[in-house]
């Protein structure tokens, strides 16, 4: 039987609300995680990042996966990107720092594990002596 095991880790100061047709709306608080298993394919999950309850959504992205559609993920558009997303699908790993979506794998017919980790981008500074 086809099954996907999905883990979302939120290592940012944002809260993440996610929706999909098979799970009621969930909120992942800052520095917390949420895990679920599903046999539903295809599966599309929206991700909305926000800070203040009832406030505006700062940015939004999504995760789509299934037998025939593979795994596609989008961290979301940010004018000044401050969040990095690491995505691992079984043995394939990618980091997304820029805007736009990315196909992780074309074929996900055996199902498996999908792990998304959102983290704050660390800005490097150059220090010059003298």
N, C-alpha and C. Protein backbone atom coordinates (compact mmCIF):
# COMPACT_ATOMS: atom_id res chain seq x y z
N UNK A 1 0.83 -1.18 0.00
CA UNK A 1 0.00 0.00 0.00
C UNK A 1 0.88 1.25 0.00
N UNK A 2 0.52 2.22 -0.84
CA UNK A 2 1.26 3.47 -0.92
C UNK A 2 1.01 4.29 0.35
N UNK A 3 2.09 4.87 0.89
CA UNK A 3 1.96 5.72 2.06
C UNK A 3 3.06 6.77 2.06
N UNK A 4 2.72 7.97 2.49
CA UNK A 4 3.70 9.04 2.68
C UNK A 4 3.73 9.40 4.16
N UNK A 5 4.93 9.59 4.69
CA UNK A 5 5.15 10.02 6.06
C UNK A 5 5.75 11.42 5.99
N UNK A 6 5.02 12.40 6.49
CA UNK A 6 5.41 13.80 6.31
C UNK A 6 5.74 14.42 7.66
N UNK A 7 6.84 15.15 7.69
CA UNK A 7 7.29 15.85 8.89
C UNK A 7 7.60 17.29 8.52
N UNK A 8 7.02 18.23 9.26
CA UNK A 8 7.34 19.65 9.07
C UNK A 8 7.89 20.18 10.39
N UNK A 9 9.10 20.70 10.34
CA UNK A 9 9.75 21.28 11.51
C UNK A 9 9.88 22.78 11.29
N UNK A 10 9.41 23.55 12.23
CA UNK A 10 9.40 25.00 12.14
C UNK A 10 10.44 25.58 13.09
N UNK A 11 11.63 25.80 12.59
CA UNK A 11 12.69 26.41 13.39
C UNK A 11 12.82 27.90 13.06
N UNK A 12 11.68 28.58 13.03
CA UNK A 12 11.65 30.02 12.75
C UNK A 12 10.84 30.72 13.83
N UNK A 13 10.77 32.05 13.73
CA UNK A 13 9.96 32.84 14.64
C UNK A 13 8.51 32.94 14.17
N UNK A 14 8.22 32.43 12.97
CA UNK A 14 6.87 32.45 12.42
C UNK A 14 6.05 31.29 12.96
N UNK A 15 4.74 31.43 12.86
CA UNK A 15 3.83 30.30 13.05
C UNK A 15 3.43 29.86 11.65
N UNK A 16 3.20 28.57 11.47
CA UNK A 16 2.80 28.05 10.16
C UNK A 16 1.43 27.41 10.28
N UNK A 17 0.50 27.89 9.47
CA UNK A 17 -0.81 27.24 9.36
C UNK A 17 -0.78 26.42 8.10
N UNK A 18 -1.19 25.14 8.20
CA UNK A 18 -1.27 24.37 6.97
C UNK A 18 -2.63 23.70 6.84
N UNK A 19 -3.04 23.60 5.59
CA UNK A 19 -4.32 22.99 5.23
C UNK A 19 -4.09 22.00 4.11
N UNK A 20 -4.82 20.91 4.16
CA UNK A 20 -4.95 20.05 3.00
C UNK A 20 -6.31 19.38 3.09
N UNK A 21 -6.78 18.76 2.01
CA UNK A 21 -8.14 18.21 2.01
C UNK A 21 -8.36 17.06 2.99
N UNK A 22 -7.30 16.48 3.54
CA UNK A 22 -7.43 15.27 4.34
C UNK A 22 -7.19 15.48 5.83
N UNK A 23 -6.67 16.65 6.22
CA UNK A 23 -6.39 16.96 7.63
C UNK A 23 -6.99 18.32 7.93
N UNK A 24 -7.61 18.45 9.08
CA UNK A 24 -8.13 19.76 9.45
C UNK A 24 -6.96 20.72 9.66
N UNK A 25 -7.25 22.01 9.54
CA UNK A 25 -6.21 23.03 9.67
C UNK A 25 -5.39 22.83 10.93
N UNK A 26 -4.09 22.91 10.78
CA UNK A 26 -3.15 22.76 11.89
C UNK A 26 -2.26 23.99 11.97
N UNK A 27 -1.84 24.32 13.18
CA UNK A 27 -0.88 25.41 13.37
C UNK A 27 0.37 24.82 14.01
N UNK A 28 1.49 25.07 13.37
CA UNK A 28 2.78 24.66 13.93
C UNK A 28 3.41 25.91 14.53
N UNK A 29 3.53 25.92 15.83
CA UNK A 29 4.10 27.08 16.50
C UNK A 29 5.59 27.20 16.22
N UNK A 30 6.14 28.36 16.51
CA UNK A 30 7.58 28.58 16.34
C UNK A 30 8.36 27.53 17.13
N UNK A 31 9.33 26.94 16.49
CA UNK A 31 10.25 25.95 17.09
C UNK A 31 9.54 24.67 17.52
N UNK A 32 8.51 24.29 16.77
CA UNK A 32 7.83 23.02 17.01
C UNK A 32 7.70 22.26 15.70
N UNK A 33 7.22 21.02 15.79
CA UNK A 33 7.10 20.15 14.62
C UNK A 33 5.70 19.53 14.56
N UNK A 34 5.37 19.04 13.38
CA UNK A 34 4.13 18.29 13.18
C UNK A 34 4.43 17.15 12.22
N UNK A 35 3.90 15.97 12.52
CA UNK A 35 4.14 14.78 11.71
C UNK A 35 2.81 14.12 11.41
N UNK A 36 2.64 13.63 10.17
CA UNK A 36 1.45 12.85 9.85
C UNK A 36 1.77 11.84 8.75
N UNK A 37 0.96 10.79 8.71
CA UNK A 37 1.05 9.76 7.68
C UNK A 37 -0.21 9.83 6.85
N UNK A 38 -0.09 9.56 5.55
CA UNK A 38 -1.27 9.58 4.70
C UNK A 38 -1.17 8.52 3.61
N UNK A 39 -2.31 8.01 3.22
CA UNK A 39 -2.39 7.09 2.08
C UNK A 39 -3.13 7.78 0.94
N UNK A 40 -3.43 9.07 1.10
CA UNK A 40 -4.15 9.83 0.07
C UNK A 40 -3.19 10.40 -0.96
N UNK A 41 -3.45 10.10 -2.22
CA UNK A 41 -2.61 10.59 -3.31
C UNK A 41 -3.52 11.01 -4.46
N UNK A 42 -3.29 12.19 -5.04
CA UNK A 42 -2.29 13.19 -4.67
C UNK A 42 -2.73 13.98 -3.44
N UNK A 43 -1.78 14.70 -2.89
CA UNK A 43 -2.00 15.43 -1.66
C UNK A 43 -1.36 16.81 -1.81
N UNK A 44 -2.15 17.85 -1.62
CA UNK A 44 -1.64 19.22 -1.71
C UNK A 44 -1.87 19.92 -0.38
N UNK A 45 -0.82 20.48 0.17
CA UNK A 45 -0.87 21.15 1.46
C UNK A 45 -0.42 22.59 1.28
N UNK A 46 -1.23 23.54 1.74
CA UNK A 46 -0.81 24.95 1.71
C UNK A 46 -0.14 25.30 3.03
N UNK A 47 0.87 26.15 2.95
CA UNK A 47 1.63 26.59 4.12
C UNK A 47 1.56 28.10 4.19
N UNK A 48 1.05 28.63 5.30
CA UNK A 48 0.95 30.08 5.48
C UNK A 48 1.75 30.47 6.71
N UNK A 49 2.65 31.43 6.54
CA UNK A 49 3.56 31.86 7.60
C UNK A 49 3.09 33.21 8.13
N UNK A 50 2.96 33.32 9.45
CA UNK A 50 2.47 34.53 10.07
C UNK A 50 3.09 34.68 11.45
N UNK A 51 2.95 35.90 12.01
CA UNK A 51 3.52 36.17 13.34
C UNK A 51 2.43 36.48 14.34
N UNK A 52 1.54 37.40 14.02
CA UNK A 52 0.52 37.86 14.95
C UNK A 52 -0.82 37.20 14.67
N UNK A 53 -1.45 36.66 15.70
CA UNK A 53 -2.78 36.04 15.56
C UNK A 53 -3.74 37.03 14.92
N UNK A 54 -4.40 36.62 13.85
CA UNK A 54 -5.33 37.49 13.15
C UNK A 54 -4.65 38.50 12.25
N UNK A 55 -3.32 38.50 12.26
CA UNK A 55 -2.57 39.43 11.43
C UNK A 55 -2.41 38.90 10.02
N UNK A 56 -1.69 39.63 9.25
CA UNK A 56 -1.52 39.24 7.86
C UNK A 56 -0.56 38.07 7.71
N UNK A 57 -0.78 37.32 6.64
CA UNK A 57 0.13 36.24 6.27
C UNK A 57 1.36 36.89 5.66
N UNK A 58 2.53 36.57 6.19
CA UNK A 58 3.77 37.19 5.72
C UNK A 58 4.21 36.60 4.38
N UNK A 59 4.07 35.29 4.22
CA UNK A 59 4.33 34.63 2.95
C UNK A 59 3.69 33.25 3.01
N UNK A 60 3.52 32.63 1.83
CA UNK A 60 2.90 31.32 1.80
C UNK A 60 3.50 30.46 0.70
N UNK A 61 3.50 29.17 0.95
CA UNK A 61 4.05 28.22 0.01
C UNK A 61 3.19 26.97 -0.01
N UNK A 62 3.77 25.88 -0.45
CA UNK A 62 2.98 24.66 -0.52
C UNK A 62 3.83 23.43 -0.73
N UNK A 63 3.19 22.29 -0.53
CA UNK A 63 3.78 20.97 -0.71
C UNK A 63 2.78 20.12 -1.45
N UNK A 64 3.18 19.54 -2.57
CA UNK A 64 2.33 18.63 -3.33
C UNK A 64 3.09 17.34 -3.53
N UNK A 65 2.42 16.22 -3.29
CA UNK A 65 3.08 14.93 -3.49
C UNK A 65 2.04 13.87 -3.83
N UNK A 66 2.50 12.83 -4.50
CA UNK A 66 1.61 11.74 -4.85
C UNK A 66 2.27 10.73 -5.76
N UNK A 67 1.55 9.67 -6.05
CA UNK A 67 2.06 8.57 -6.86
C UNK A 67 2.56 9.08 -8.21
N UNK A 68 1.74 9.84 -8.92
CA UNK A 68 2.08 10.26 -10.28
C UNK A 68 2.69 11.65 -10.37
N UNK A 69 2.56 12.46 -9.32
CA UNK A 69 3.04 13.84 -9.41
C UNK A 69 4.39 14.05 -8.74
N UNK A 70 4.97 13.03 -8.13
CA UNK A 70 6.26 13.19 -7.48
C UNK A 70 6.13 14.02 -6.21
N UNK A 71 7.17 14.79 -5.92
CA UNK A 71 7.16 15.68 -4.76
C UNK A 71 7.59 17.06 -5.24
N UNK A 72 6.73 18.05 -5.02
CA UNK A 72 7.00 19.43 -5.39
C UNK A 72 6.80 20.28 -4.14
N UNK A 73 7.71 21.22 -3.92
CA UNK A 73 7.63 22.04 -2.72
C UNK A 73 8.01 23.48 -3.05
N UNK A 74 7.39 24.41 -2.33
CA UNK A 74 7.65 25.83 -2.51
C UNK A 74 7.69 26.49 -1.14
N UNK A 75 8.83 27.03 -0.79
CA UNK A 75 8.98 27.70 0.50
C UNK A 75 8.08 28.92 0.58
N UNK A 76 7.83 29.53 -0.56
CA UNK A 76 6.99 30.72 -0.59
C UNK A 76 7.80 31.94 -1.01
N UNK A 77 7.11 32.94 -1.55
CA UNK A 77 7.77 34.16 -2.02
C UNK A 77 7.99 35.12 -0.85
N UNK A 78 9.21 35.58 -0.76
CA UNK A 78 9.56 36.61 0.22
C UNK A 78 10.36 37.68 -0.50
N UNK A 79 10.00 38.95 -0.28
CA UNK A 79 10.73 40.03 -0.93
C UNK A 79 12.19 40.03 -0.49
N UNK A 80 12.42 39.85 0.79
CA UNK A 80 13.77 39.74 1.34
C UNK A 80 13.84 38.41 2.08
N UNK A 81 14.25 37.35 1.40
CA UNK A 81 14.21 36.01 2.02
C UNK A 81 14.97 35.95 3.34
N UNK A 82 14.25 35.54 4.39
CA UNK A 82 14.87 35.37 5.70
C UNK A 82 14.66 33.96 6.22
N UNK A 83 13.97 33.13 5.43
CA UNK A 83 13.72 31.75 5.83
C UNK A 83 14.26 30.82 4.77
N UNK A 84 14.96 29.80 5.20
CA UNK A 84 15.51 28.76 4.32
C UNK A 84 14.69 27.50 4.57
N UNK A 85 14.46 26.72 3.52
CA UNK A 85 13.75 25.46 3.67
C UNK A 85 14.66 24.33 3.24
N UNK A 86 14.84 23.34 4.11
CA UNK A 86 15.51 22.10 3.75
C UNK A 86 14.43 21.06 3.50
N UNK A 87 14.54 20.33 2.40
CA UNK A 87 13.55 19.31 2.08
C UNK A 87 14.27 18.00 1.78
N UNK A 88 13.83 16.95 2.41
CA UNK A 88 14.39 15.63 2.16
C UNK A 88 13.27 14.68 1.79
N UNK A 89 13.45 14.00 0.66
CA UNK A 89 12.51 12.99 0.20
C UNK A 89 13.28 11.68 0.13
N UNK A 90 12.99 10.76 1.05
CA UNK A 90 13.73 9.51 1.14
C UNK A 90 15.23 9.82 1.17
N UNK A 91 15.95 9.63 0.08
CA UNK A 91 17.40 9.84 0.08
C UNK A 91 17.84 11.12 -0.64
N UNK A 92 16.91 11.91 -1.14
CA UNK A 92 17.25 13.12 -1.88
C UNK A 92 17.07 14.32 -0.98
N UNK A 93 18.05 15.23 -0.98
CA UNK A 93 18.04 16.39 -0.09
C UNK A 93 18.28 17.65 -0.90
N UNK A 94 17.51 18.70 -0.62
CA UNK A 94 17.70 19.99 -1.29
C UNK A 94 17.43 21.11 -0.29
N UNK A 95 18.15 22.22 -0.45
CA UNK A 95 17.92 23.42 0.35
C UNK A 95 17.41 24.51 -0.59
N UNK A 96 16.33 25.17 -0.20
CA UNK A 96 15.77 26.25 -1.01
C UNK A 96 15.92 27.57 -0.26
N UNK A 97 16.72 28.47 -0.83
CA UNK A 97 16.92 29.79 -0.23
C UNK A 97 16.26 30.89 -1.06
N UNK A 98 15.92 30.58 -2.31
CA UNK A 98 15.36 31.59 -3.20
C UNK A 98 13.87 31.36 -3.39
N UNK A 99 13.22 32.30 -4.04
CA UNK A 99 11.78 32.22 -4.28
C UNK A 99 11.49 31.22 -5.39
N UNK A 100 10.28 30.68 -5.36
CA UNK A 100 9.84 29.76 -6.40
C UNK A 100 9.82 28.33 -5.93
N UNK A 101 9.07 27.50 -6.64
CA UNK A 101 8.94 26.10 -6.28
C UNK A 101 10.00 25.24 -6.94
N UNK A 102 10.13 24.01 -6.45
CA UNK A 102 11.12 23.10 -6.98
C UNK A 102 10.56 21.68 -6.91
N UNK A 103 10.78 20.92 -7.98
CA UNK A 103 10.41 19.52 -7.98
C UNK A 103 11.54 18.73 -7.33
N UNK A 104 11.22 17.99 -6.28
CA UNK A 104 12.23 17.21 -5.58
C UNK A 104 12.46 15.89 -6.29
N UNK A 105 11.40 15.19 -6.60
CA UNK A 105 11.48 13.96 -7.40
C UNK A 105 10.30 13.93 -8.36
N UNK A 106 10.51 13.35 -9.54
CA UNK A 106 9.46 13.24 -10.54
C UNK A 106 8.48 12.12 -10.21
N UNK A 107 8.99 11.07 -9.56
CA UNK A 107 8.18 9.88 -9.31
C UNK A 107 8.21 9.55 -7.82
N UNK A 108 7.04 9.38 -7.26
CA UNK A 108 6.91 9.06 -5.84
C UNK A 108 5.98 7.86 -5.70
N UNK A 109 6.09 6.93 -6.66
CA UNK A 109 5.13 5.83 -6.74
C UNK A 109 5.26 4.81 -5.61
N UNK A 110 6.38 4.82 -4.91
CA UNK A 110 6.53 3.91 -3.77
C UNK A 110 6.24 4.61 -2.45
N UNK A 111 5.96 5.91 -2.51
CA UNK A 111 5.73 6.67 -1.27
C UNK A 111 7.03 6.83 -0.50
N UNK A 112 6.92 7.06 0.79
CA UNK A 112 8.10 7.20 1.62
C UNK A 112 8.04 8.41 2.52
N UNK A 113 9.19 8.92 2.85
CA UNK A 113 9.32 10.00 3.83
C UNK A 113 9.57 11.34 3.15
N UNK A 114 8.88 12.35 3.65
CA UNK A 114 9.11 13.73 3.22
C UNK A 114 9.33 14.53 4.49
N UNK A 115 10.43 15.25 4.55
CA UNK A 115 10.75 16.05 5.72
C UNK A 115 11.06 17.48 5.29
N UNK A 116 10.29 18.43 5.81
CA UNK A 116 10.54 19.84 5.55
C UNK A 116 11.01 20.49 6.85
N UNK A 117 12.09 21.24 6.76
CA UNK A 117 12.58 22.00 7.92
C UNK A 117 12.74 23.44 7.49
N UNK A 118 12.03 24.32 8.15
CA UNK A 118 12.14 25.76 7.90
C UNK A 118 13.00 26.35 8.99
N UNK A 119 13.96 27.19 8.59
CA UNK A 119 14.87 27.78 9.57
C UNK A 119 15.18 29.21 9.19
N UNK A 120 15.56 30.00 10.18
CA UNK A 120 15.93 31.39 9.95
C UNK A 120 17.24 31.43 9.19
N UNK A 121 17.29 32.33 8.22
CA UNK A 121 18.51 32.52 7.45
C UNK A 121 19.49 33.32 8.30
N UNK A 122 20.71 32.86 8.37
CA UNK A 122 21.75 33.55 9.13
C UNK A 122 22.52 34.41 8.15
N UNK A 123 22.54 35.68 8.42
CA UNK A 123 23.22 36.62 7.54
C UNK A 123 24.68 36.73 7.94
N UNK A 124 25.56 36.49 6.98
CA UNK A 124 26.97 36.60 7.28
C UNK A 124 27.43 38.05 7.15
N UNK A 125 28.36 38.42 7.94
CA UNK A 125 28.91 39.75 7.88
C UNK A 125 30.42 39.64 7.68
N UNK A 126 30.93 40.50 6.82
CA UNK A 126 32.37 40.53 6.62
C UNK A 126 32.96 41.63 7.50
N UNK A 127 33.97 41.27 8.22
CA UNK A 127 34.66 42.23 9.06
C UNK A 127 36.04 42.49 8.46
N UNK A 128 36.36 43.74 8.28
CA UNK A 128 37.65 44.11 7.70
C UNK A 128 38.46 44.84 8.75
N UNK A 129 39.69 44.44 8.87
CA UNK A 129 40.58 45.09 9.82
C UNK A 129 41.31 46.24 9.13
N UNK A 130 41.55 47.29 9.89
CA UNK A 130 42.43 48.34 9.52
C UNK A 130 41.98 49.35 8.61
